[in-house]
């Protein structure tokens, strides 16, 4: 089983990763490849450098390079893949034959509040910056950029995460039962 996750910043992807990991799936992220590349380049790891690093890797290796690297890493194991951000990544992961792509959605206000509550390093402290960053990620000008809207259109399942954590877990329980 290969579960892929896409969604906007602070929509709840990390919560889903943890939930699926508790079910025994290996947890990986398209961003893991970028983080490793940034480390090798002696560059700071933050949201902007991850975005730019992803663009660079995609320019050099094609739109599906991050997914190709992940397929090698997981080597056929059951896994949950976080941070799928381009249609080409979806296509590469679908080539394995068992991908279920889940888009997790939440309102802008809910996501902004979550972002403030989690206070991760590199998260914007200004809502206008949050919106500006998001607008850069939703539609790509070229194959190297992020295209969250186009990726979301490829989802097999959509989950709206504007309720409680218990509401979300009930939705995930249903998905798990239907696919196992």
N, C-alpha and C. Protein backbone atom coordinates (compact mmCIF):
# COMPACT_ATOMS: atom_id res chain seq x y z
N UNK A 1 0.85 -1.17 0.00
CA UNK A 1 0.00 0.00 0.00
C UNK A 1 0.90 1.23 0.00
N UNK A 2 0.58 2.16 -0.88
CA UNK A 2 1.30 3.42 -0.95
C UNK A 2 0.27 4.54 -0.84
N UNK A 3 0.32 5.28 0.26
CA UNK A 3 -0.56 6.42 0.49
C UNK A 3 0.23 7.68 0.19
N UNK A 4 -0.31 8.53 -0.66
CA UNK A 4 0.32 9.81 -0.95
C UNK A 4 -0.54 10.93 -0.41
N UNK A 5 0.12 11.96 0.10
CA UNK A 5 -0.61 13.09 0.68
C UNK A 5 -0.23 14.39 -0.02
N UNK A 6 -1.25 15.16 -0.33
CA UNK A 6 -1.05 16.50 -0.86
C UNK A 6 -2.00 17.44 -0.14
N UNK A 7 -1.63 18.69 -0.11
CA UNK A 7 -2.47 19.69 0.54
C UNK A 7 -1.65 20.92 0.86
N UNK A 8 -2.35 21.96 1.19
CA UNK A 8 -1.70 23.23 1.48
C UNK A 8 -1.07 23.23 2.86
N UNK A 9 -0.25 24.23 3.10
CA UNK A 9 0.47 24.37 4.34
C UNK A 9 -0.50 24.38 5.54
N UNK A 10 -0.17 23.55 6.54
CA UNK A 10 -0.92 23.46 7.80
C UNK A 10 -2.33 22.89 7.62
N UNK A 11 -2.54 22.12 6.57
CA UNK A 11 -3.85 21.50 6.35
C UNK A 11 -4.04 20.25 7.20
N UNK A 12 -2.95 19.66 7.67
CA UNK A 12 -3.04 18.46 8.50
C UNK A 12 -2.27 17.28 7.97
N UNK A 13 -1.41 17.48 6.98
CA UNK A 13 -0.67 16.37 6.38
C UNK A 13 0.17 15.61 7.40
N UNK A 14 0.86 16.33 8.28
CA UNK A 14 1.70 15.67 9.28
C UNK A 14 0.88 14.79 10.22
N UNK A 15 -0.32 15.23 10.54
CA UNK A 15 -1.21 14.43 11.38
C UNK A 15 -1.56 13.13 10.67
N UNK A 16 -1.83 13.20 9.36
CA UNK A 16 -2.13 12.00 8.60
C UNK A 16 -0.92 11.09 8.51
N UNK A 17 0.26 11.66 8.30
CA UNK A 17 1.48 10.85 8.25
C UNK A 17 1.61 10.06 9.54
N UNK A 18 1.45 10.73 10.68
CA UNK A 18 1.59 10.06 11.97
C UNK A 18 0.54 8.97 12.14
N UNK A 19 -0.68 9.23 11.70
CA UNK A 19 -1.76 8.25 11.83
C UNK A 19 -1.43 7.00 11.01
N UNK A 20 -1.02 7.20 9.75
CA UNK A 20 -0.69 6.05 8.90
C UNK A 20 0.57 5.33 9.39
N UNK A 21 1.52 6.06 9.93
CA UNK A 21 2.72 5.43 10.49
C UNK A 21 2.36 4.53 11.66
N UNK A 22 1.39 4.96 12.47
CA UNK A 22 0.93 4.12 13.58
C UNK A 22 0.27 2.83 13.08
N UNK A 23 -0.22 2.85 11.85
CA UNK A 23 -0.81 1.65 11.25
C UNK A 23 0.25 0.74 10.65
N UNK A 24 1.52 1.18 10.69
CA UNK A 24 2.61 0.35 10.22
C UNK A 24 3.23 0.77 8.90
N UNK A 25 2.75 1.86 8.30
CA UNK A 25 3.33 2.32 7.05
C UNK A 25 4.60 3.12 7.34
N UNK A 26 5.57 2.93 6.48
CA UNK A 26 6.80 3.71 6.58
C UNK A 26 6.50 5.15 6.19
N UNK A 27 7.07 6.10 6.90
CA UNK A 27 6.83 7.52 6.65
C UNK A 27 7.99 8.13 5.87
N UNK A 28 7.67 8.67 4.68
CA UNK A 28 8.67 9.36 3.86
C UNK A 28 8.03 10.63 3.30
N UNK A 29 8.89 11.53 2.81
CA UNK A 29 8.40 12.78 2.27
C UNK A 29 9.19 13.14 1.02
N UNK A 30 8.50 13.72 0.05
CA UNK A 30 9.21 14.23 -1.12
C UNK A 30 10.24 15.27 -0.69
N UNK A 31 9.99 15.93 0.41
CA UNK A 31 10.94 16.93 0.91
C UNK A 31 12.20 16.31 1.49
N UNK A 32 12.17 15.02 1.85
CA UNK A 32 13.37 14.37 2.38
C UNK A 32 14.53 14.44 1.39
N UNK A 33 14.23 14.23 0.12
CA UNK A 33 15.26 14.29 -0.91
C UNK A 33 15.85 15.69 -1.00
N UNK A 34 14.99 16.69 -0.88
CA UNK A 34 15.46 18.08 -0.95
C UNK A 34 16.32 18.39 0.27
N UNK A 35 15.87 17.95 1.45
CA UNK A 35 16.64 18.21 2.68
C UNK A 35 18.05 17.63 2.57
N UNK A 36 18.15 16.41 2.06
CA UNK A 36 19.45 15.77 1.90
C UNK A 36 20.32 16.56 0.93
N UNK A 37 19.74 17.00 -0.17
CA UNK A 37 20.47 17.79 -1.16
C UNK A 37 20.94 19.11 -0.54
N UNK A 38 20.06 19.78 0.22
CA UNK A 38 20.44 21.04 0.86
C UNK A 38 21.59 20.83 1.85
N UNK A 39 21.53 19.74 2.62
CA UNK A 39 22.61 19.43 3.55
C UNK A 39 23.94 19.28 2.81
N UNK A 40 23.90 18.55 1.69
CA UNK A 40 25.11 18.34 0.89
C UNK A 40 25.62 19.64 0.28
N UNK A 41 24.73 20.60 0.09
CA UNK A 41 25.11 21.91 -0.46
C UNK A 41 25.47 22.90 0.65
N UNK A 42 25.45 22.44 1.90
CA UNK A 42 25.71 23.31 3.07
C UNK A 42 24.79 24.52 3.10
N UNK A 43 23.52 24.29 2.76
CA UNK A 43 22.53 25.37 2.76
C UNK A 43 21.58 25.18 3.94
N UNK A 44 21.09 26.30 4.44
CA UNK A 44 20.12 26.29 5.53
C UNK A 44 18.83 25.62 5.05
N UNK A 45 18.22 24.86 5.94
CA UNK A 45 16.96 24.19 5.60
C UNK A 45 15.82 24.99 6.21
N UNK A 46 15.04 25.62 5.34
CA UNK A 46 13.85 26.35 5.74
C UNK A 46 12.85 26.26 4.59
N UNK A 47 11.69 26.80 4.78
CA UNK A 47 10.63 26.67 3.76
C UNK A 47 11.08 27.22 2.41
N UNK A 48 11.69 28.39 2.40
CA UNK A 48 12.14 28.98 1.13
C UNK A 48 13.22 28.14 0.46
N UNK A 49 14.18 27.64 1.24
CA UNK A 49 15.25 26.84 0.64
C UNK A 49 14.72 25.49 0.16
N UNK A 50 13.73 24.94 0.85
CA UNK A 50 13.11 23.70 0.38
C UNK A 50 12.40 23.91 -0.95
N UNK A 51 11.69 25.01 -1.07
CA UNK A 51 10.99 25.31 -2.32
C UNK A 51 12.00 25.51 -3.45
N UNK A 52 13.02 26.32 -3.19
CA UNK A 52 14.02 26.58 -4.23
C UNK A 52 14.84 25.33 -4.54
N UNK A 53 15.17 24.56 -3.52
CA UNK A 53 15.90 23.30 -3.75
C UNK A 53 15.09 22.33 -4.59
N UNK A 54 13.80 22.25 -4.31
CA UNK A 54 12.92 21.40 -5.12
C UNK A 54 12.89 21.85 -6.57
N UNK A 55 12.81 23.16 -6.78
CA UNK A 55 12.83 23.71 -8.15
C UNK A 55 14.13 23.33 -8.86
N UNK A 56 15.26 23.46 -8.16
CA UNK A 56 16.55 23.15 -8.75
C UNK A 56 16.64 21.67 -9.12
N UNK A 57 16.25 20.81 -8.19
CA UNK A 57 16.30 19.37 -8.46
C UNK A 57 15.39 18.99 -9.62
N UNK A 58 14.19 19.60 -9.68
CA UNK A 58 13.27 19.29 -10.78
C UNK A 58 13.82 19.81 -12.11
N UNK A 59 14.47 20.97 -12.10
CA UNK A 59 15.08 21.48 -13.33
C UNK A 59 16.15 20.54 -13.83
N UNK A 60 16.95 20.02 -12.90
CA UNK A 60 18.07 19.15 -13.26
C UNK A 60 17.62 17.73 -13.59
N UNK A 61 16.63 17.22 -12.85
CA UNK A 61 16.26 15.81 -13.00
C UNK A 61 14.87 15.55 -13.53
N UNK A 62 14.11 16.60 -13.81
CA UNK A 62 12.75 16.43 -14.31
C UNK A 62 11.74 16.53 -13.18
N UNK A 63 10.48 16.73 -13.57
CA UNK A 63 9.41 16.99 -12.63
C UNK A 63 9.12 15.87 -11.64
N UNK A 64 9.55 14.66 -11.95
CA UNK A 64 9.27 13.53 -11.06
C UNK A 64 10.47 13.04 -10.27
N UNK A 65 11.56 13.80 -10.29
CA UNK A 65 12.81 13.33 -9.67
C UNK A 65 12.65 13.00 -8.19
N UNK A 66 11.92 13.81 -7.44
CA UNK A 66 11.78 13.55 -6.00
C UNK A 66 11.04 12.24 -5.75
N UNK A 67 10.01 11.98 -6.54
CA UNK A 67 9.25 10.73 -6.40
C UNK A 67 10.10 9.53 -6.84
N UNK A 68 10.89 9.71 -7.88
CA UNK A 68 11.78 8.62 -8.32
C UNK A 68 12.75 8.25 -7.21
N UNK A 69 13.31 9.26 -6.56
CA UNK A 69 14.24 9.02 -5.47
C UNK A 69 13.54 8.29 -4.31
N UNK A 70 12.31 8.68 -4.03
CA UNK A 70 11.57 8.03 -2.94
C UNK A 70 11.23 6.58 -3.25
N UNK A 71 10.86 6.30 -4.49
CA UNK A 71 10.56 4.90 -4.84
C UNK A 71 11.77 4.01 -4.63
N UNK A 72 12.94 4.54 -4.91
CA UNK A 72 14.17 3.77 -4.65
C UNK A 72 14.36 3.57 -3.15
N UNK A 73 14.09 4.60 -2.38
CA UNK A 73 14.28 4.53 -0.93
C UNK A 73 13.33 3.51 -0.30
N UNK A 74 12.05 3.55 -0.68
CA UNK A 74 11.08 2.65 -0.02
C UNK A 74 11.09 1.24 -0.60
N UNK A 75 11.62 1.06 -1.81
CA UNK A 75 11.88 -0.26 -2.38
C UNK A 75 10.70 -1.23 -2.22
N UNK A 76 9.50 -0.78 -2.58
CA UNK A 76 8.33 -1.66 -2.58
C UNK A 76 7.61 -1.79 -1.25
N UNK A 77 8.14 -1.19 -0.20
CA UNK A 77 7.52 -1.29 1.13
C UNK A 77 6.23 -0.48 1.18
N UNK A 78 5.33 -0.85 2.11
CA UNK A 78 4.16 -0.03 2.38
C UNK A 78 4.64 1.28 2.98
N UNK A 79 4.08 2.40 2.49
CA UNK A 79 4.56 3.70 2.96
C UNK A 79 3.49 4.76 2.81
N UNK A 80 3.67 5.82 3.57
CA UNK A 80 2.88 7.04 3.42
C UNK A 80 3.86 8.12 2.99
N UNK A 81 3.53 8.80 1.88
CA UNK A 81 4.41 9.81 1.30
C UNK A 81 3.79 11.18 1.52
N UNK A 82 4.50 12.02 2.24
CA UNK A 82 4.05 13.38 2.53
C UNK A 82 4.60 14.34 1.48
N UNK A 83 3.94 15.47 1.34
CA UNK A 83 4.43 16.60 0.53
C UNK A 83 4.53 16.32 -0.96
N UNK A 84 3.53 15.68 -1.53
CA UNK A 84 3.47 15.52 -2.98
C UNK A 84 2.94 16.82 -3.53
N UNK A 85 3.73 17.46 -4.41
CA UNK A 85 3.43 18.82 -4.81
C UNK A 85 3.34 19.05 -6.30
N UNK A 86 3.56 17.99 -7.11
CA UNK A 86 3.48 18.17 -8.57
C UNK A 86 2.76 16.98 -9.21
N UNK A 87 2.07 17.21 -10.31
CA UNK A 87 1.44 16.10 -11.03
C UNK A 87 2.43 15.03 -11.48
N UNK A 88 3.65 15.43 -11.86
CA UNK A 88 4.64 14.44 -12.28
C UNK A 88 5.02 13.52 -11.14
N UNK A 89 5.09 14.05 -9.91
CA UNK A 89 5.37 13.20 -8.76
C UNK A 89 4.25 12.17 -8.59
N UNK A 90 3.02 12.59 -8.79
CA UNK A 90 1.89 11.66 -8.70
C UNK A 90 2.03 10.58 -9.77
N UNK A 91 2.33 10.98 -11.00
CA UNK A 91 2.46 10.00 -12.09
C UNK A 91 3.55 8.98 -11.80
N UNK A 92 4.69 9.43 -11.30
CA UNK A 92 5.79 8.51 -10.97
C UNK A 92 5.35 7.55 -9.87
N UNK A 93 4.72 8.06 -8.82
CA UNK A 93 4.27 7.21 -7.72
C UNK A 93 3.17 6.25 -8.17
N UNK A 94 2.31 6.71 -9.08
CA UNK A 94 1.25 5.82 -9.61
C UNK A 94 1.84 4.66 -10.40
N UNK A 95 3.02 4.82 -10.93
CA UNK A 95 3.65 3.75 -11.72
C UNK A 95 3.88 2.50 -10.87
N UNK A 96 3.90 2.65 -9.58
CA UNK A 96 4.05 1.50 -8.69
C UNK A 96 2.80 0.63 -8.68
N UNK A 97 1.64 1.23 -8.99
CA UNK A 97 0.41 0.46 -9.12
C UNK A 97 -0.50 0.42 -7.91
N UNK A 98 -0.07 0.98 -6.79
CA UNK A 98 -0.92 0.88 -5.60
C UNK A 98 -1.09 2.22 -4.87
N UNK A 99 -0.84 3.33 -5.56
CA UNK A 99 -0.96 4.64 -4.92
C UNK A 99 -2.41 5.03 -4.69
N UNK A 100 -2.68 5.50 -3.48
CA UNK A 100 -3.93 6.17 -3.15
C UNK A 100 -3.53 7.59 -2.75
N UNK A 101 -3.91 8.56 -3.59
CA UNK A 101 -3.55 9.95 -3.32
C UNK A 101 -4.68 10.62 -2.56
N UNK A 102 -4.33 11.18 -1.40
CA UNK A 102 -5.29 11.87 -0.55
C UNK A 102 -4.95 13.36 -0.52
N UNK A 103 -5.94 14.18 -0.84
CA UNK A 103 -5.79 15.61 -0.65
C UNK A 103 -6.43 15.96 0.68
N UNK A 104 -5.68 16.64 1.53
CA UNK A 104 -6.24 17.12 2.79
C UNK A 104 -6.44 18.62 2.67
N UNK A 105 -7.65 19.03 3.01
CA UNK A 105 -8.05 20.43 2.84
C UNK A 105 -8.49 21.00 4.18
N UNK A 106 -8.27 22.30 4.32
CA UNK A 106 -8.78 23.03 5.48
C UNK A 106 -8.88 24.50 5.08
N UNK A 107 -9.75 25.21 5.73
CA UNK A 107 -9.94 26.63 5.41
C UNK A 107 -8.67 27.42 5.70
N UNK A 108 -8.54 28.56 5.03
CA UNK A 108 -7.38 29.41 5.23
C UNK A 108 -7.24 29.83 6.69
N UNK A 109 -8.34 30.24 7.30
CA UNK A 109 -8.28 30.68 8.70
C UNK A 109 -7.86 29.54 9.62
N UNK A 110 -8.40 28.36 9.40
CA UNK A 110 -8.04 27.20 10.23
C UNK A 110 -6.55 26.88 10.06
N UNK A 111 -6.08 26.91 8.83
CA UNK A 111 -4.67 26.61 8.57
C UNK A 111 -3.76 27.68 9.19
N UNK A 112 -4.15 28.95 9.08
CA UNK A 112 -3.36 30.02 9.68
C UNK A 112 -3.27 29.83 11.20
N UNK A 113 -4.39 29.51 11.84
CA UNK A 113 -4.39 29.28 13.29
C UNK A 113 -3.51 28.10 13.68
N UNK A 114 -3.59 27.02 12.90
CA UNK A 114 -2.75 25.86 13.18
C UNK A 114 -1.27 26.21 13.04
N UNK A 115 -0.98 26.97 12.01
CA UNK A 115 0.41 27.37 11.76
C UNK A 115 0.94 28.17 12.94
N UNK A 116 0.14 29.06 13.47
CA UNK A 116 0.55 29.86 14.63
C UNK A 116 0.71 28.98 15.86
N UNK A 117 -0.19 28.01 16.04
CA UNK A 117 -0.12 27.13 17.20
C UNK A 117 1.12 26.23 17.16
N UNK A 118 1.47 25.72 15.98
CA UNK A 118 2.59 24.79 15.89
C UNK A 118 3.93 25.51 15.94
N UNK A 119 3.99 26.74 15.46
CA UNK A 119 5.18 27.60 15.55
C UNK A 119 6.46 26.89 15.11
N UNK A 120 6.43 26.25 13.94
CA UNK A 120 7.63 25.61 13.42
C UNK A 120 8.62 26.67 12.93
N UNK A 121 9.90 26.38 13.09
CA UNK A 121 10.90 27.32 12.55
C UNK A 121 10.67 27.50 11.04
N UNK A 122 10.71 28.74 10.60
CA UNK A 122 10.52 29.03 9.18
C UNK A 122 9.08 29.32 8.79
N UNK A 123 8.13 28.99 9.66
CA UNK A 123 6.74 29.33 9.37
C UNK A 123 6.58 30.85 9.44
N UNK A 124 5.80 31.41 8.53
CA UNK A 124 5.61 32.86 8.55
C UNK A 124 4.88 33.32 9.80
N UNK A 125 5.26 34.49 10.28
CA UNK A 125 4.62 35.08 11.45
C UNK A 125 3.57 36.10 11.06
N UNK A 126 3.50 36.40 9.78
CA UNK A 126 2.57 37.39 9.24
C UNK A 126 1.61 36.70 8.28
N UNK A 127 0.33 36.94 8.45
CA UNK A 127 -0.66 36.25 7.62
C UNK A 127 -0.52 36.61 6.15
N UNK A 128 -0.16 37.86 5.84
CA UNK A 128 0.01 38.24 4.44
C UNK A 128 1.16 37.47 3.79
N UNK A 129 2.24 37.23 4.54
CA UNK A 129 3.34 36.41 4.03
C UNK A 129 2.90 34.97 3.84
N UNK A 130 2.12 34.45 4.76
CA UNK A 130 1.55 33.10 4.65
C UNK A 130 0.78 32.97 3.34
N UNK A 131 -0.07 33.93 3.04
CA UNK A 131 -0.88 33.90 1.81
C UNK A 131 0.02 34.05 0.58
N UNK A 132 1.00 34.92 0.66
CA UNK A 132 1.93 35.12 -0.46
C UNK A 132 2.70 33.83 -0.76
N UNK A 133 3.21 33.18 0.28
CA UNK A 133 3.93 31.92 0.09
C UNK A 133 3.02 30.87 -0.54
N UNK A 134 1.81 30.80 -0.05
CA UNK A 134 0.87 29.82 -0.58
C UNK A 134 0.57 30.06 -2.05
N UNK A 135 0.40 31.31 -2.42
CA UNK A 135 0.10 31.63 -3.82
C UNK A 135 1.22 31.20 -4.76
N UNK A 136 2.46 31.18 -4.26
CA UNK A 136 3.59 30.71 -5.07
C UNK A 136 3.52 29.20 -5.30
N UNK A 137 2.88 28.49 -4.39
CA UNK A 137 2.87 27.03 -4.43
C UNK A 137 1.69 26.43 -5.18
N UNK A 138 0.63 27.18 -5.38
CA UNK A 138 -0.59 26.58 -5.91
C UNK A 138 -0.56 26.36 -7.42
N UNK A 139 0.20 27.16 -8.14
CA UNK A 139 0.26 27.00 -9.60
C UNK A 139 1.68 27.27 -10.06
N UNK A 140 2.20 26.35 -10.86
CA UNK A 140 3.57 26.48 -11.32
C UNK A 140 3.65 27.16 -12.68
N UNK A 141 4.70 27.95 -12.86
CA UNK A 141 4.95 28.57 -14.15
C UNK A 141 5.66 27.61 -15.09
N UNK A 142 6.30 26.58 -14.52
CA UNK A 142 7.04 25.60 -15.32
C UNK A 142 7.05 24.27 -14.58
N UNK A 143 7.65 23.25 -15.19
CA UNK A 143 7.66 21.90 -14.63
C UNK A 143 8.46 21.81 -13.32
N UNK A 144 9.34 22.77 -13.08
CA UNK A 144 10.20 22.72 -11.90
C UNK A 144 9.50 23.23 -10.63
N UNK A 145 8.41 23.94 -10.77
CA UNK A 145 7.75 24.54 -9.62
C UNK A 145 6.69 23.64 -9.01
N UNK A 146 6.20 24.07 -7.86
CA UNK A 146 5.11 23.37 -7.19
C UNK A 146 3.79 23.71 -7.87
N UNK A 147 2.89 22.75 -7.88
CA UNK A 147 1.58 22.95 -8.51
C UNK A 147 0.53 22.24 -7.67
N UNK A 148 0.25 22.79 -6.50
CA UNK A 148 -0.65 22.13 -5.56
C UNK A 148 -2.07 21.96 -6.11
N UNK A 149 -2.57 22.96 -6.82
CA UNK A 149 -3.93 22.84 -7.35
C UNK A 149 -4.03 21.71 -8.38
N UNK A 150 -3.09 21.63 -9.30
CA UNK A 150 -3.10 20.58 -10.32
C UNK A 150 -2.89 19.21 -9.68
N UNK A 151 -2.06 19.15 -8.66
CA UNK A 151 -1.83 17.88 -7.95
C UNK A 151 -3.10 17.45 -7.22
N UNK A 152 -3.77 18.40 -6.59
CA UNK A 152 -5.00 18.08 -5.86
C UNK A 152 -6.07 17.51 -6.78
N UNK A 153 -6.11 17.96 -8.02
CA UNK A 153 -7.10 17.44 -8.98
C UNK A 153 -6.90 15.96 -9.28
N UNK A 154 -5.73 15.44 -8.98
CA UNK A 154 -5.42 14.03 -9.23
C UNK A 154 -5.76 13.14 -8.05
N UNK A 155 -6.24 13.73 -6.95
CA UNK A 155 -6.49 12.97 -5.72
C UNK A 155 -7.60 11.94 -5.91
N UNK A 156 -7.41 10.79 -5.29
CA UNK A 156 -8.42 9.74 -5.26
C UNK A 156 -9.44 10.00 -4.15
N UNK A 157 -8.96 10.65 -3.09
CA UNK A 157 -9.79 10.91 -1.91
C UNK A 157 -9.50 12.34 -1.45
N UNK A 158 -10.56 13.03 -1.05
CA UNK A 158 -10.40 14.36 -0.45
C UNK A 158 -10.93 14.31 0.98
N UNK A 159 -10.15 14.88 1.88
CA UNK A 159 -10.56 14.96 3.28
C UNK A 159 -10.57 16.43 3.66
N UNK A 160 -11.70 16.89 4.19
CA UNK A 160 -11.76 18.24 4.74
C UNK A 160 -11.47 18.15 6.22
N UNK A 161 -10.49 18.91 6.66
CA UNK A 161 -10.00 18.86 8.03
C UNK A 161 -10.24 20.18 8.74
N UNK A 162 -11.51 20.54 8.88
CA UNK A 162 -11.86 21.77 9.58
C UNK A 162 -12.50 21.49 10.94
N UNK A 163 -12.59 20.21 11.29
CA UNK A 163 -13.22 19.84 12.56
C UNK A 163 -12.19 19.49 13.62
N UNK A 164 -12.60 18.61 14.52
CA UNK A 164 -11.72 18.18 15.60
C UNK A 164 -10.80 17.07 15.12
N UNK A 165 -9.80 16.78 15.92
CA UNK A 165 -8.90 15.68 15.62
C UNK A 165 -9.65 14.35 15.61
N UNK A 166 -10.65 14.21 16.48
CA UNK A 166 -11.46 12.99 16.50
C UNK A 166 -12.26 12.84 15.21
N UNK A 167 -12.78 13.96 14.69
CA UNK A 167 -13.49 13.91 13.40
C UNK A 167 -12.55 13.41 12.30
N UNK A 168 -11.33 13.91 12.31
CA UNK A 168 -10.35 13.51 11.31
C UNK A 168 -10.03 12.02 11.44
N UNK A 169 -9.83 11.56 12.66
CA UNK A 169 -9.51 10.14 12.87
C UNK A 169 -10.64 9.23 12.41
N UNK A 170 -11.88 9.65 12.60
CA UNK A 170 -13.01 8.86 12.12
C UNK A 170 -12.97 8.73 10.59
N UNK A 171 -12.65 9.81 9.91
CA UNK A 171 -12.53 9.78 8.45
C UNK A 171 -11.40 8.85 8.02
N UNK A 172 -10.29 8.90 8.74
CA UNK A 172 -9.16 8.04 8.40
C UNK A 172 -9.46 6.57 8.68
N UNK A 173 -10.16 6.30 9.77
CA UNK A 173 -10.57 4.92 10.06
C UNK A 173 -11.39 4.35 8.90
N UNK A 174 -12.31 5.13 8.37
CA UNK A 174 -13.16 4.69 7.27
C UNK A 174 -12.32 4.41 6.03
N UNK A 175 -11.41 5.30 5.72
CA UNK A 175 -10.54 5.09 4.55
C UNK A 175 -9.71 3.83 4.72
N UNK A 176 -9.17 3.63 5.91
CA UNK A 176 -8.34 2.45 6.18
C UNK A 176 -9.15 1.16 6.01
N UNK A 177 -10.36 1.15 6.55
CA UNK A 177 -11.21 -0.03 6.44
C UNK A 177 -11.57 -0.32 4.98
N UNK A 178 -11.83 0.72 4.19
CA UNK A 178 -12.20 0.53 2.80
C UNK A 178 -11.06 0.06 1.91
N UNK A 179 -9.83 0.29 2.34
CA UNK A 179 -8.68 -0.01 1.50
C UNK A 179 -7.80 -1.14 2.04
N UNK A 180 -8.24 -1.82 3.05
CA UNK A 180 -7.50 -2.96 3.59
C UNK A 180 -8.34 -4.21 3.58
